[in-house]
Amino acid sequence: MDDNQIIKMLFERNEQAISEASYKYYELCKRIAYNVLDNKEDCEEAINDVWLKLWNSIPPEKPDSLAAYLTTLIRNTSLDLYRKKNSLKRTSDLMSTTLDEISDMLPDSMNIEDQVEKAELVKIINRFLETLPQKQKLLFIRRYYYFDSIRDISLRYSLSEGYITATLTRVRKKLAKHLKRSM
């Protein structure tokens, strides 16, 4: 079933739409959730929350891309669950490492939550991504949006882990400069 049909079913309040969305996008949602949460039970909780959020948000929302809409929902839901579960402890898991990579590139004085609204930061980063060559953009998105491991990115694009690490380091430095100029 195509995305437009699923969205139409959601507008008609047909519960079969959730089953169709799950059939089509469950594996994608699971991969993103697992990259963030690294725990099967938490992953399932996040995915179940996403189906409810999908049901409650369409209508009134009418996304152009159901896949993009769902990946944003699962990513944000997983991040929220991760923060909730790890608020009192500091772990050394993949998610913490990935978040540390991003925070290290920001100027010391920058506190994203206090100084910049999330929407404005997203616009700035999107403008920056538009300036990158396609390969750098893909590597950045796979790592910092989908939270793929360096190894998974290496396998996906047949690139060495060293190349990916070096490229991401250069891109983070460029982004830090871009953020300083834009803020």
C-alpha atoms as a PDB file:
ATOM      1  CA  MET A   1       0.000   0.000   0.000  1.00  0.00           C
ATOM      2  CA  ASP A   2       1.407   3.423  -0.815  1.00  0.00           C
ATOM      3  CA  ASP A   3       1.869   6.245   1.689  1.00  0.00           C
ATOM      4  CA  ASN A   4      -0.937   8.401   0.295  1.00  0.00           C
ATOM      5  CA  GLN A   5      -3.403   5.565   0.834  1.00  0.00           C
ATOM      6  CA  ILE A   6      -2.207   5.109   4.422  1.00  0.00           C
ATOM      7  CA  ILE A   7      -2.540   8.842   5.097  1.00  0.00           C
ATOM      8  CA  LYS A   8      -6.025   8.814   3.541  1.00  0.00           C
ATOM      9  CA  MET A   9      -6.996   5.924   5.820  1.00  0.00           C
ATOM     10  CA  LEU A  10      -5.716   7.883   8.828  1.00  0.00           C
ATOM     11  CA  PHE A  11      -7.879  10.835   7.828  1.00  0.00           C
ATOM     12  CA  GLU A  12     -10.825   8.454   7.591  1.00  0.00           C
ATOM     13  CA  ARG A  13      -9.916   7.174  11.093  1.00  0.00           C
ATOM     14  CA  ASN A  14      -9.514   3.653   9.740  1.00  0.00           C
ATOM     15  CA  GLU A  15      -7.454   1.681  12.275  1.00  0.00           C
ATOM     16  CA  GLN A  16      -6.098  -0.521   9.480  1.00  0.00           C
ATOM     17  CA  ALA A  17      -3.841   2.440   8.594  1.00  0.00           C
ATOM     18  CA  ILE A  18      -1.681   1.745  11.644  1.00  0.00           C
ATOM     19  CA  SER A  19      -1.292  -1.894  10.635  1.00  0.00           C
ATOM     20  CA  GLU A  20      -0.328  -0.855   7.111  1.00  0.00           C
ATOM     21  CA  ALA A  21       2.176   1.724   8.377  1.00  0.00           C
ATOM     22  CA  SER A  22       3.611  -0.843  10.763  1.00  0.00           C
ATOM     23  CA  TYR A  23       3.910  -3.439   8.003  1.00  0.00           C
ATOM     24  CA  LYS A  24       5.691  -0.988   5.748  1.00  0.00           C
ATOM     25  CA  TYR A  25       7.874   0.923   8.254  1.00  0.00           C
ATOM     26  CA  TYR A  26       8.347  -1.268  11.319  1.00  0.00           C
ATOM     27  CA  GLU A  27      11.897  -2.364  10.425  1.00  0.00           C
ATOM     28  CA  LEU A  28      13.006   1.183   9.665  1.00  0.00           C
ATOM     29  CA  CYS A  29      11.545   2.450  12.940  1.00  0.00           C
ATOM     30  CA  LYS A  30      13.081  -0.458  14.839  1.00  0.00           C
ATOM     31  CA  ARG A  31      16.540   0.235  13.437  1.00  0.00           C
ATOM     32  CA  ILE A  32      16.396   3.930  14.365  1.00  0.00           C
ATOM     33  CA  ALA A  33      15.014   3.219  17.836  1.00  0.00           C
ATOM     34  CA  TYR A  34      17.612   0.539  18.481  1.00  0.00           C
ATOM     35  CA  ASN A  35      20.427   2.835  17.356  1.00  0.00           C
ATOM     36  CA  VAL A  36      19.321   5.300  20.024  1.00  0.00           C
ATOM     37  CA  LEU A  37      18.143   2.986  22.816  1.00  0.00           C
ATOM     38  CA  ASP A  38      20.199  -0.204  22.357  1.00  0.00           C
ATOM     39  CA  ASN A  39      17.540  -2.132  24.262  1.00  0.00           C
ATOM     40  CA  LYS A  40      14.845  -4.344  22.765  1.00  0.00           C
ATOM     41  CA  GLU A  41      12.125  -3.528  25.320  1.00  0.00           C
ATOM     42  CA  ASP A  42      12.744   0.229  25.148  1.00  0.00           C
ATOM     43  CA  CYS A  43      12.791  -0.026  21.371  1.00  0.00           C
ATOM     44  CA  GLU A  44       9.366  -1.696  21.344  1.00  0.00           C
ATOM     45  CA  GLU A  45       8.023   0.910  23.762  1.00  0.00           C
ATOM     46  CA  ALA A  46       9.205   3.721  21.491  1.00  0.00           C
ATOM     47  CA  ILE A  47       7.725   2.072  18.393  1.00  0.00           C
ATOM     48  CA  ASN A  48       4.365   1.552  20.104  1.00  0.00           C
ATOM     49  CA  ASP A  49       4.403   5.194  21.188  1.00  0.00           C
ATOM     50  CA  VAL A  50       5.047   6.202  17.577  1.00  0.00           C
ATOM     51  CA  TRP A  51       1.986   4.350  16.269  1.00  0.00           C
ATOM     52  CA  LEU A  52      -0.136   6.170  18.860  1.00  0.00           C
ATOM     53  CA  LYS A  53       1.473   9.512  17.972  1.00  0.00           C
ATOM     54  CA  LEU A  54       0.838   8.812  14.294  1.00  0.00           C
ATOM     55  CA  TRP A  55      -2.823   8.076  15.002  1.00  0.00           C
ATOM     56  CA  ASN A  56      -3.197  11.203  17.134  1.00  0.00           C
ATOM     57  CA  SER A  57      -1.370  13.571  14.793  1.00  0.00           C
ATOM     58  CA  ILE A  58      -2.926  12.641  11.426  1.00  0.00           C
ATOM     59  CA  PRO A  59      -5.249  14.477  11.050  1.00  0.00           C
ATOM     60  CA  PRO A  60      -4.656  17.434  11.358  1.00  0.00           C
ATOM     61  CA  GLU A  61      -1.105  16.916  10.046  1.00  0.00           C
ATOM     62  CA  LYS A  62      -0.787  15.799   6.434  1.00  0.00           C
ATOM     63  CA  PRO A  63       2.857  14.930   5.775  1.00  0.00           C
ATOM     64  CA  ASP A  64       4.292  14.979   2.268  1.00  0.00           C
ATOM     65  CA  SER A  65       6.359  11.916   3.125  1.00  0.00           C
ATOM     66  CA  LEU A  66       5.073   9.346   5.572  1.00  0.00           C
ATOM     67  CA  ALA A  67       8.555   7.786   5.798  1.00  0.00           C
ATOM     68  CA  ALA A  68      10.146  11.115   6.756  1.00  0.00           C
ATOM     69  CA  TYR A  69       7.327  11.836   9.196  1.00  0.00           C
ATOM     70  CA  LEU A  70       7.703   8.442  10.887  1.00  0.00           C
ATOM     71  CA  THR A  71      11.503   8.612  11.052  1.00  0.00           C
ATOM     72  CA  THR A  72      11.220  11.997  12.760  1.00  0.00           C
ATOM     73  CA  LEU A  73       8.613  10.642  15.176  1.00  0.00           C
ATOM     74  CA  ILE A  74      10.659   7.545  16.069  1.00  0.00           C
ATOM     75  CA  ARG A  75      13.880   9.494  16.373  1.00  0.00           C
ATOM     76  CA  ASN A  76      12.370  12.104  18.704  1.00  0.00           C
ATOM     77  CA  THR A  77      10.407   9.528  20.700  1.00  0.00           C
ATOM     78  CA  SER A  78      13.529   7.391  21.117  1.00  0.00           C
ATOM     79  CA  LEU A  79      15.630  10.381  22.151  1.00  0.00           C
ATOM     80  CA  ASP A  80      13.004  11.402  24.709  1.00  0.00           C
ATOM     81  CA  LEU A  81      12.904   7.878  26.130  1.00  0.00           C
ATOM     82  CA  TYR A  82      16.705   7.722  26.158  1.00  0.00           C
ATOM     83  CA  ARG A  83      16.932  11.016  28.077  1.00  0.00           C
ATOM     84  CA  LYS A  84      14.250   9.862  30.525  1.00  0.00           C
ATOM     85  CA  LYS A  85      15.944   6.528  31.207  1.00  0.00           C
ATOM     86  CA  ASN A  86      19.460   7.959  31.413  1.00  0.00           C
ATOM     87  CA  SER A  87      18.871  11.283  33.121  1.00  0.00           C
ATOM     88  CA  LEU A  88      20.539  10.248  36.373  1.00  0.00           C
ATOM     89  CA  LYS A  89      23.320   8.085  35.040  1.00  0.00           C
ATOM     90  CA  ARG A  90      26.120   8.602  32.564  1.00  0.00           C
ATOM     91  CA  THR A  91      26.624   5.656  30.261  1.00  0.00           C
ATOM     92  CA  SER A  92      29.339   4.880  27.749  1.00  0.00           C
ATOM     93  CA  ASP A  93      27.068   3.436  25.101  1.00  0.00           C
ATOM     94  CA  LEU A  94      26.893   4.300  21.407  1.00  0.00           C
ATOM     95  CA  MET A  95      24.246   6.960  21.936  1.00  0.00           C
ATOM     96  CA  SER A  96      26.312   8.810  24.540  1.00  0.00           C
ATOM     97  CA  THR A  97      29.360   8.618  22.308  1.00  0.00           C
ATOM     98  CA  THR A  98      27.420   9.990  19.353  1.00  0.00           C
ATOM     99  CA  LEU A  99      25.945  12.825  21.402  1.00  0.00           C
ATOM    100  CA  ASP A 100      29.395  13.595  22.809  1.00  0.00           C
ATOM    101  CA  GLU A 101      30.762  13.901  19.264  1.00  0.00           C
ATOM    102  CA  ILE A 102      28.166  16.544  18.469  1.00  0.00           C
ATOM    103  CA  SER A 103      28.519  18.455  21.732  1.00  0.00           C
ATOM    104  CA  ASP A 104      32.304  18.568  21.382  1.00  0.00           C
ATOM    105  CA  MET A 105      32.039  20.529  18.142  1.00  0.00           C
ATOM    106  CA  LEU A 106      29.996  23.351  19.676  1.00  0.00           C
ATOM    107  CA  PRO A 107      31.650  26.377  21.237  1.00  0.00           C
ATOM    108  CA  ASP A 108      32.102  26.013  25.003  1.00  0.00           C
ATOM    109  CA  SER A 109      29.809  28.924  25.765  1.00  0.00           C
ATOM    110  CA  MET A 110      26.954  27.569  23.693  1.00  0.00           C
ATOM    111  CA  ASN A 111      24.061  25.962  25.497  1.00  0.00           C
ATOM    112  CA  ILE A 112      21.619  24.940  22.776  1.00  0.00           C
ATOM    113  CA  GLU A 113      18.556  24.702  25.000  1.00  0.00           C
ATOM    114  CA  ASP A 114      19.139  28.097  26.624  1.00  0.00           C
ATOM    115  CA  GLN A 115      20.358  30.187  23.668  1.00  0.00           C
ATOM    116  CA  VAL A 116      18.686  28.799  20.569  1.00  0.00           C
ATOM    117  CA  GLU A 117      15.268  27.486  19.846  1.00  0.00           C
ATOM    118  CA  LYS A 118      15.397  24.006  18.386  1.00  0.00           C
ATOM    119  CA  ALA A 119      13.698  25.033  15.164  1.00  0.00           C
ATOM    120  CA  GLU A 120      16.265  27.753  14.465  1.00  0.00           C
ATOM    121  CA  LEU A 121      19.147  25.371  15.093  1.00  0.00           C
ATOM    122  CA  VAL A 122      17.608  22.871  12.683  1.00  0.00           C
ATOM    123  CA  LYS A 123      17.392  25.569  10.002  1.00  0.00           C
ATOM    124  CA  ILE A 124      21.030  26.511  10.506  1.00  0.00           C
ATOM    125  CA  ILE A 125      22.189  22.896  10.333  1.00  0.00           C
ATOM    126  CA  ASN A 126      20.056  22.228   7.254  1.00  0.00           C
ATOM    127  CA  ARG A 127      21.565  25.263   5.520  1.00  0.00           C
ATOM    128  CA  PHE A 128      25.009  23.938   6.417  1.00  0.00           C
ATOM    129  CA  LEU A 129      24.181  20.457   5.100  1.00  0.00           C
ATOM    130  CA  GLU A 130      23.119  21.973   1.777  1.00  0.00           C
ATOM    131  CA  THR A 131      26.686  23.239   1.309  1.00  0.00           C
ATOM    132  CA  LEU A 132      28.267  19.793   1.734  1.00  0.00           C
ATOM    133  CA  PRO A 133      29.108  17.342  -1.027  1.00  0.00           C
ATOM    134  CA  GLN A 134      26.554  14.515  -1.201  1.00  0.00           C
ATOM    135  CA  LYS A 135      28.819  11.864   0.358  1.00  0.00           C
ATOM    136  CA  GLN A 136      29.666  14.040   3.385  1.00  0.00           C
ATOM    137  CA  LYS A 137      26.002  14.919   3.822  1.00  0.00           C
ATOM    138  CA  LEU A 138      24.976  11.237   3.755  1.00  0.00           C
ATOM    139  CA  LEU A 139      27.646  10.254   6.277  1.00  0.00           C
ATOM    140  CA  PHE A 140      26.633  13.091   8.606  1.00  0.00           C
ATOM    141  CA  ILE A 141      22.929  12.235   8.417  1.00  0.00           C
ATOM    142  CA  ARG A 142      23.518   8.502   8.930  1.00  0.00           C
ATOM    143  CA  ARG A 143      25.638   9.203  12.013  1.00  0.00           C
ATOM    144  CA  TYR A 144      23.856  12.104  13.680  1.00  0.00           C
ATOM    145  CA  TYR A 145      20.262  11.737  12.560  1.00  0.00           C
ATOM    146  CA  TYR A 146      19.859   7.976  12.349  1.00  0.00           C
ATOM    147  CA  PHE A 147      22.610   7.315  14.942  1.00  0.00           C
ATOM    148  CA  ASP A 148      24.175   4.568  12.837  1.00  0.00           C
ATOM    149  CA  SER A 149      27.469   3.250  14.154  1.00  0.00           C
ATOM    150  CA  ILE A 150      30.663   3.955  12.209  1.00  0.00           C
ATOM    151  CA  ARG A 151      30.815   0.238  11.411  1.00  0.00           C
ATOM    152  CA  ASP A 152      27.269   0.188  10.009  1.00  0.00           C
ATOM    153  CA  ILE A 153      27.982   3.247   7.864  1.00  0.00           C
ATOM    154  CA  SER A 154      31.196   1.612   6.666  1.00  0.00           C
ATOM    155  CA  LEU A 155      29.318  -1.509   5.593  1.00  0.00           C
ATOM    156  CA  ARG A 156      26.479   0.476   3.990  1.00  0.00           C
ATOM    157  CA  TYR A 157      28.749   2.619   1.794  1.00  0.00           C
ATOM    158  CA  SER A 158      31.782   0.305   1.441  1.00  0.00           C
ATOM    159  CA  LEU A 159      34.091   2.875   2.996  1.00  0.00           C
ATOM    160  CA  SER A 160      36.774   2.337   5.614  1.00  0.00           C
ATOM    161  CA  GLU A 161      35.933   3.220   9.198  1.00  0.00           C
ATOM    162  CA  GLY A 162      38.995   5.482   9.280  1.00  0.00           C
ATOM    163  CA  TYR A 163      37.773   7.413   6.258  1.00  0.00           C
ATOM    164  CA  ILE A 164      34.340   7.867   7.806  1.00  0.00           C
ATOM    165  CA  THR A 165      35.766   8.960  11.156  1.00  0.00           C
ATOM    166  CA  ALA A 166      38.113  11.468   9.510  1.00  0.00           C
ATOM    167  CA  THR A 167      35.364  12.815   7.251  1.00  0.00           C
ATOM    168  CA  LEU A 168      32.933  13.244  10.148  1.00  0.00           C
ATOM    169  CA  THR A 169      35.603  15.006  12.193  1.00  0.00           C
ATOM    170  CA  ARG A 170      36.198  17.489   9.352  1.00  0.00           C
ATOM    171  CA  VAL A 171      32.449  18.019   8.884  1.00  0.00           C
ATOM    172  CA  ARG A 172      31.930  18.620  12.626  1.00  0.00           C
ATOM    173  CA  LYS A 173      34.710  21.233  12.590  1.00  0.00           C
ATOM    174  CA  LYS A 174      33.110  22.942   9.584  1.00  0.00           C
ATOM    175  CA  LEU A 175      29.735  22.849  11.329  1.00  0.00           C
ATOM    176  CA  ALA A 176      31.222  24.372  14.491  1.00  0.00           C
ATOM    177  CA  LYS A 177      32.587  27.278  12.428  1.00  0.00           C
ATOM    178  CA  HIS A 178      29.246  27.622  10.648  1.00  0.00           C
ATOM    179  CA  LEU A 179      27.390  27.699  13.968  1.00  0.00           C
ATOM    180  CA  LYS A 180      29.732  30.359  15.374  1.00  0.00           C
ATOM    181  CA  ARG A 181      29.126  32.541  12.322  1.00  0.00           C
ATOM    182  CA  SER A 182      25.361  31.956  12.329  1.00  0.00           C
ATOM    183  CA  MET A 183      24.704  32.472  16.007  1.00  0.00           C
END
